[in-house]
Protein backbone atom coordinates (compact mmCIF):
# COMPACT_ATOMS: atom_id res chain seq x y z
CA MET A 1 4.84 24.50 13.31
CA ASN A 2 7.62 22.04 12.73
CA ARG A 3 7.07 18.29 12.98
CA GLN A 4 7.82 17.94 16.70
CA GLU A 5 5.52 20.84 17.59
CA PHE A 6 2.75 19.45 15.40
CA ILE A 7 2.93 15.96 16.92
CA GLU A 8 2.83 17.52 20.40
CA TYR A 9 -0.27 19.45 19.34
CA CYS A 10 -1.91 16.27 18.01
CA SER A 11 -1.25 14.63 21.37
CA THR A 12 -3.59 17.14 23.03
CA LEU A 13 -6.55 16.14 20.86
CA GLY A 14 -9.26 13.78 22.07
CA GLU A 15 -10.62 10.78 20.18
CA GLU A 16 -13.70 12.64 18.96
CA GLU A 17 -11.58 15.42 17.48
CA LEU A 18 -9.19 12.95 15.84
CA HIS A 19 -12.13 11.16 14.22
CA ARG A 20 -13.56 14.49 13.04
CA ILE A 21 -10.24 15.46 11.40
CA ALA A 22 -9.98 12.05 9.73
CA ALA A 23 -13.53 12.31 8.37
CA GLY A 24 -12.72 15.73 6.94
CA SER A 25 -9.60 14.40 5.23
CA ARG A 26 -11.59 11.55 3.68
CA GLY A 27 -14.18 13.97 2.38
CA ARG A 28 -11.58 16.22 0.76
CA ILE A 29 -9.66 13.61 -1.19
CA GLU A 30 -12.34 13.09 -3.83
CA LYS A 31 -12.68 16.86 -4.31
CA ILE A 32 -8.97 17.19 -5.07
CA LEU A 33 -9.07 14.94 -8.13
CA PRO A 34 -9.91 16.75 -11.41
CA GLN A 35 -13.17 15.71 -13.09
CA GLU A 36 -11.31 14.48 -16.16
CA THR A 37 -9.39 12.09 -13.91
CA LYS A 38 -12.59 10.83 -12.29
CA ASP A 39 -14.10 10.31 -15.76
CA MET A 40 -11.27 7.91 -16.59
CA PHE A 41 -12.24 5.65 -13.68
CA ARG A 42 -15.21 4.30 -15.68
CA THR A 43 -13.36 3.54 -18.93
CA LEU A 44 -12.70 -0.15 -18.20
CA ASP A 45 -16.10 -1.02 -16.72
CA ASP A 46 -17.21 -2.76 -19.91
CA VAL A 47 -14.26 -5.14 -20.05
CA THR A 48 -13.65 -5.89 -16.37
CA THR A 49 -15.64 -6.98 -13.33
CA ALA A 50 -15.17 -5.83 -9.73
CA GLU A 51 -16.88 -8.23 -7.33
CA GLU A 52 -17.24 -7.06 -3.74
CA LEU A 53 -16.71 -9.73 -1.07
CA TYR A 54 -16.08 -10.18 2.64
CA VAL A 55 -13.57 -12.81 3.74
CA GLU A 56 -13.81 -14.30 7.22
CA THR A 57 -10.48 -14.65 9.02
CA ALA A 58 -9.16 -14.92 12.56
CA PHE A 59 -9.15 -11.11 12.61
CA GLY A 60 -12.77 -10.72 11.53
CA SER A 61 -14.49 -9.88 8.24
CA THR A 62 -12.17 -8.32 5.65
CA HIS A 63 -13.58 -6.30 2.76
CA ILE A 64 -12.04 -7.04 -0.65
CA TYR A 65 -12.74 -6.69 -4.37
CA LEU A 66 -12.02 -9.37 -6.94
CA ILE A 67 -11.14 -7.73 -10.24
CA LYS A 68 -10.57 -9.46 -13.55
CA GLU A 69 -11.38 -9.28 -17.24
CA LYS A 70 -14.95 -10.21 -18.15
CA ASP A 71 -13.72 -12.78 -20.64
CA ALA A 72 -11.06 -14.23 -18.32
CA ALA A 73 -10.81 -17.89 -19.24
CA GLY A 74 -10.97 -20.75 -16.75
CA ASP A 75 -9.06 -21.20 -13.53
CA GLY A 76 -5.44 -20.79 -12.58
CA LEU A 77 -5.14 -17.07 -13.31
CA ALA A 78 -1.97 -15.34 -12.22
CA THR A 79 -2.91 -13.26 -9.19
CA VAL A 80 -1.96 -9.82 -7.93
CA VAL A 81 -2.81 -8.80 -4.37
CA ASN A 82 -3.10 -5.01 -4.13
CA VAL A 83 -3.03 -2.97 -0.92
CA HIS A 84 -4.00 0.69 -1.34
CA GLY A 85 -2.39 3.82 0.08
CA GLY A 86 -3.84 6.77 1.96
CA GLY A 87 -1.69 7.23 5.07
CA TRP A 88 -3.41 4.34 6.89
CA THR A 89 -6.38 6.74 7.08
CA LEU A 90 -7.98 7.50 3.70
CA ASP A 91 -10.69 5.30 2.23
CA HIS A 92 -10.19 2.74 -0.48
CA GLY A 93 -11.86 4.27 -3.53
CA GLU A 94 -12.51 4.27 -7.25
CA ARG A 95 -8.96 5.34 -8.05
CA ASP A 96 -7.73 2.14 -6.41
CA ILE A 97 -10.26 -0.04 -8.22
CA PHE A 98 -9.33 1.60 -11.53
CA PHE A 99 -5.64 0.90 -10.88
CA CYS A 100 -6.56 -2.76 -10.30
CA ARG A 101 -8.72 -2.86 -13.44
CA ARG A 102 -5.72 -1.66 -15.44
CA LEU A 103 -3.51 -4.37 -13.94
CA ALA A 104 -6.16 -7.03 -14.64
CA VAL A 105 -6.38 -6.04 -18.31
CA LYS A 106 -2.68 -5.63 -18.99
CA LEU A 107 -1.65 -8.78 -17.10
CA HIS A 108 -4.76 -10.92 -17.83
CA ALA A 109 -4.71 -11.56 -14.10
CA LEU A 110 -7.01 -11.87 -11.12
CA VAL A 111 -6.48 -8.89 -8.79
CA VAL A 112 -7.41 -9.18 -5.12
CA ASP A 113 -7.87 -5.61 -3.90
CA VAL A 114 -7.75 -5.35 -0.08
CA ASP A 115 -9.78 -2.73 1.81
CA TYR A 116 -8.22 -2.90 5.27
CA VAL A 117 -9.37 -1.19 8.49
CA LEU A 118 -8.36 2.46 8.90
CA ALA A 119 -6.89 4.67 11.59
CA PRO A 120 -7.68 6.53 13.82
CA GLU A 121 -10.62 4.18 14.43
CA HIS A 122 -8.25 1.21 14.17
CA PRO A 123 -4.68 2.31 15.02
CA TYR A 124 -1.56 0.14 14.83
CA PRO A 125 -1.36 -2.84 14.72
CA ALA A 126 -4.91 -3.48 13.48
CA ALA A 127 -4.32 -3.16 9.71
CA ILE A 128 -1.18 -5.32 9.88
CA GLU A 129 -2.99 -8.00 11.86
CA GLU A 130 -5.95 -7.93 9.46
CA ILE A 131 -3.78 -8.39 6.37
CA GLU A 132 -1.68 -11.04 8.10
CA ALA A 133 -4.85 -12.98 8.98
CA LEU A 134 -6.14 -12.57 5.42
CA PHE A 135 -2.90 -13.96 4.00
CA SER A 136 -3.31 -17.05 6.20
CA VAL A 137 -6.51 -18.02 4.39
CA LEU A 138 -5.70 -16.52 0.99
CA PRO A 139 -4.18 -19.59 -0.73
CA GLU A 140 -7.40 -21.63 -0.57
CA LYS A 141 -9.50 -18.56 -1.37
CA ILE A 142 -7.46 -17.65 -4.45
CA THR A 143 -7.92 -21.16 -5.80
CA ALA A 144 -11.68 -20.96 -5.22
CA TRP A 145 -11.80 -17.59 -7.01
CA GLY A 146 -10.09 -18.98 -10.11
CA GLY A 147 -6.60 -17.76 -9.35
CA ASP A 148 -3.29 -19.58 -8.93
CA ALA A 149 -2.15 -19.48 -5.30
CA ASN A 150 1.37 -20.44 -6.41
CA ASN A 151 1.62 -17.54 -8.85
CA VAL A 152 1.04 -14.43 -6.74
CA VAL A 153 2.69 -11.01 -6.70
CA LEU A 154 1.98 -8.35 -4.07
CA CYS A 155 1.62 -4.67 -4.95
CA GLY A 156 1.28 -1.81 -2.48
CA GLN A 157 1.15 1.96 -2.72
CA SER A 158 2.33 4.30 0.04
CA ALA A 159 0.89 3.10 3.38
CA GLY A 160 -0.16 -0.10 1.60
CA GLY A 161 3.48 -0.75 0.72
CA ASN A 162 4.44 -0.15 4.33
CA LEU A 163 1.78 -2.62 5.51
CA LEU A 164 2.90 -5.26 3.01
CA GLY A 165 6.51 -4.85 4.09
CA ALA A 166 5.53 -5.33 7.72
CA VAL A 167 3.29 -8.33 7.04
CA MET A 168 5.88 -10.09 4.91
CA GLN A 169 8.48 -9.62 7.66
CA ARG A 170 6.08 -11.38 10.04
CA LYS A 171 5.32 -14.16 7.55
CA ARG A 172 8.74 -14.56 5.98
CA TYR A 173 9.00 -18.22 7.03
CA ASP A 174 5.36 -19.11 6.34
CA GLN A 175 5.46 -21.84 3.71
CA SER A 176 1.69 -21.81 3.10
CA PHE A 177 1.72 -18.44 1.31
CA LYS A 178 4.80 -17.61 -0.71
CA PRO A 179 4.34 -14.64 -3.06
CA LYS A 180 6.81 -14.55 -5.92
CA ALA A 181 7.60 -10.87 -5.31
CA GLN A 182 6.38 -7.60 -3.84
CA VAL A 183 6.24 -4.28 -5.70
CA LEU A 184 6.22 -1.41 -3.19
CA CYS A 185 5.52 2.09 -4.48
CA TYR A 186 6.50 5.39 -2.78
CA LEU A 187 6.15 3.85 0.66
CA PRO A 188 6.94 5.29 4.09
CA THR A 189 9.63 3.20 5.77
CA ASP A 190 10.74 5.50 8.63
CA ASN A 191 7.90 6.94 10.70
CA TYR A 192 10.22 7.92 13.55
CA ASN A 193 12.68 10.41 12.05
CA ASP A 194 11.69 13.79 10.59
CA HIS A 195 11.75 13.68 6.79
CA PHE A 196 10.94 17.40 6.80
CA HIS A 197 14.35 17.99 8.44
CA GLY A 198 13.05 20.33 11.13
CA GLY A 199 11.37 22.70 8.68
CA GLU A 200 7.94 24.27 8.95
CA LEU A 201 5.15 22.00 7.78
CA ASP A 202 2.96 23.11 4.89
CA GLY A 203 -0.61 21.83 4.49
CA ARG A 204 0.49 18.57 2.90
CA GLY A 205 3.12 18.07 5.59
CA GLU A 206 0.56 18.56 8.33
CA ALA A 207 -1.78 16.08 6.64
CA THR A 208 1.05 13.54 6.39
CA GLU A 209 1.88 13.93 10.06
CA CYS A 210 -1.79 13.74 11.04
CA TYR A 211 -2.09 10.38 9.29
CA GLY A 212 1.07 9.14 11.00
CA PHE A 213 -0.32 10.18 14.38
CA PHE A 214 -3.66 8.52 13.67
CA TYR A 215 -1.78 5.26 13.05
CA ASN A 216 0.70 5.57 15.95
CA ARG A 217 -0.24 7.59 19.03
CA SER A 218 2.93 6.52 20.86
CA PHE A 219 6.00 8.13 19.34
CA GLU A 220 8.35 5.49 20.80
CA GLU A 221 6.21 2.82 19.13
CA ARG A 222 7.39 4.18 15.80
CA LYS A 223 10.78 2.60 16.38
CA ASN A 224 9.06 -0.77 16.02
CA SER A 225 10.07 -2.45 12.76
CA ASP A 226 6.39 -3.23 12.14
CA VAL A 227 5.87 0.53 11.84
CA SER A 228 9.21 1.78 10.54
CA ILE A 229 10.23 -1.15 8.36
CA LEU A 230 13.55 0.57 7.63
CA PHE A 231 14.47 -0.30 11.24
CA ALA A 232 14.09 -4.04 10.59
CA SER A 233 17.13 -6.13 11.46
CA GLU A 234 18.94 -8.26 8.91
CA GLU A 235 17.32 -11.30 10.54
CA GLU A 236 13.84 -9.77 10.00
CA MET A 237 14.66 -9.27 6.33
CA LYS A 238 15.86 -12.81 5.72
CA ASN A 239 13.71 -14.91 3.41
CA LEU A 240 11.67 -11.96 2.15
CA PRO A 241 10.43 -12.29 -1.44
CA PRO A 242 12.16 -10.33 -4.23
CA THR A 243 11.23 -6.70 -3.67
CA ASP A 244 10.96 -3.90 -6.22
CA ILE A 245 10.88 -0.35 -4.82
CA ILE A 246 9.51 2.66 -6.72
CA THR A 247 10.22 6.20 -5.53
CA CYS A 248 9.48 9.73 -6.80
CA ARG A 249 11.88 12.64 -6.88
CA MET A 250 9.15 15.10 -5.80
CA ASP A 251 8.21 13.16 -2.67
CA ASN A 252 9.38 13.62 0.92
CA LEU A 253 9.39 9.83 1.26
CA MET A 254 11.96 9.31 -1.51
CA GLU A 255 15.04 9.12 0.72
CA GLU A 256 13.62 6.61 3.18
CA GLY A 257 12.23 4.43 0.39
CA GLU A 258 15.63 4.29 -1.26
CA ALA A 259 17.35 3.65 2.07
CA TYR A 260 15.01 0.69 2.57
CA ALA A 261 15.91 -0.69 -0.87
CA ALA A 262 19.61 -0.44 -0.01
CA LYS A 263 19.10 -2.19 3.33
CA LEU A 264 17.11 -5.01 1.72
CA ALA A 265 19.88 -5.54 -0.82
CA SER A 266 22.52 -5.56 1.94
CA ALA A 267 20.49 -8.22 3.76
CA GLY A 268 20.59 -10.42 0.66
CA VAL A 269 17.06 -9.79 -0.60
CA THR A 270 16.78 -9.64 -4.39
CA THR A 271 15.96 -5.95 -4.78
CA SER A 272 15.47 -3.36 -7.51
CA LEU A 273 14.99 0.39 -7.23
CA LYS A 274 13.43 2.75 -9.76
CA ARG A 275 13.09 6.50 -9.20
CA PHE A 276 10.67 8.54 -11.30
CA GLU A 277 12.34 11.91 -11.59
CA ASN A 278 9.31 14.01 -12.54
CA SER A 279 6.60 12.50 -10.36
CA ARG A 280 4.89 13.18 -7.07
CA HIS A 281 3.64 10.90 -4.35
CA GLY A 282 0.67 8.79 -5.46
CA PHE A 283 1.22 9.39 -9.18
CA LEU A 284 0.19 5.87 -10.23
CA VAL A 285 -3.31 5.92 -8.76
CA ASN A 286 -3.91 9.66 -9.17
CA LEU A 287 -3.11 9.52 -12.90
CA MET A 288 -0.63 12.39 -12.84
CA ASP A 289 2.96 13.12 -13.85
CA GLU A 290 4.68 10.00 -15.29
CA TRP A 291 1.82 7.66 -14.41
CA GLN A 292 1.69 5.93 -17.79
CA ASP A 293 5.42 5.19 -17.78
CA GLY A 294 5.09 4.15 -14.16
CA GLU A 295 2.23 1.80 -14.91
CA ASP A 296 4.13 0.23 -17.79
CA TYR A 297 7.06 -0.31 -15.44
CA VAL A 298 4.93 -1.92 -12.72
CA VAL A 299 3.30 -4.18 -15.31
CA SER A 300 6.70 -5.20 -16.67
CA LEU A 301 7.91 -6.06 -13.17
CA ILE A 302 4.89 -8.19 -12.35
CA ARG A 303 4.91 -9.87 -15.76
CA LYS A 304 8.52 -10.91 -15.17
CA TYR A 305 7.44 -12.88 -12.10
CA ILE A 306 4.14 -14.39 -13.23
C-alpha cells in the first residue's frame, strides 16, 4: 500500500484495535535494540542520579525525571529540558534517560527529562498542551530543583522536536520562560504531505504512518501549524529562540527538517543546520551510526548557549 491507501485503511480501525497496535509497537522497540546497546545504558549509573517526579500543572500531573551528576555542586546549574521521540506513541525509556545522563555529565547540567502523554490514548493536542502547561510552571520548579531558570536550553528528538517547535510557537511571547535556544533533532515538520512520494510503504514506513495516524485522526488537521510546524506563518515564527536543526541523510524526514530550517532563517530566526551524512533516524539515542560525533555536536551547541 502507498501512504494514502494506508491512511484510509487506518481510518477503518476502531479504538480498541488502534490501542492494540500501539501496545504491540511499544513492546517491539526494546527487542530491536542489540544487547550490547542496552548494556551501555547502565554505564553512568554510578556518577549520575535520575530522580522520578510528578509535576502538577493546569493540564494535570506530568511525569518527569531530574538527571544530574551525583557530585553536582550547589544551586544555579545550567539546565537542559529534553523531550523524547517515538512518533508521539512510543514510551519514554532507558535509552532516553541514558541520553540525558550523557548530557548531564558532559555539560555538568541539570537535565529535566519530560515523559509526556502518548497517542493513540491521548491524540493531538494533548501532548502539546501538557508540555505548554509544564513550561508555565517550570521556571519556579527549576529554581527549586537547583537549576538556573534563566539558563535553559531545550532539546528534542523526532516527535519531541516537533512538540517543542509547536509549544515554542505558542509561547513565543511568554516572558516568564525564555529558553536560550532549542536543539531539534531529526524532527517531523510536515505531517500532511507524503514524504514517501507515492511509493509503496515498507514496514518502517507503515509504522511511521501508524504513529502519525495515532496522533492525528483527521487528515485536514495536519495542515495545522501545531502539527506540521513547517506550515507556520512568518508571524508564528517571530520571536522564537535560536534554533539548531539536525538531520540525517538516511532518513525520510531529512527534506522536511531542512525545509523547516530554511523557513526559520527566512523568518529571521537565528538558525543552524547540520546534516549527518551516514546516519539514520534516531541515531543519537539508539547509539548507532555517527552517534558519538552527533553527541559531541549537540553538546557543543548547548555549551555555546549556557
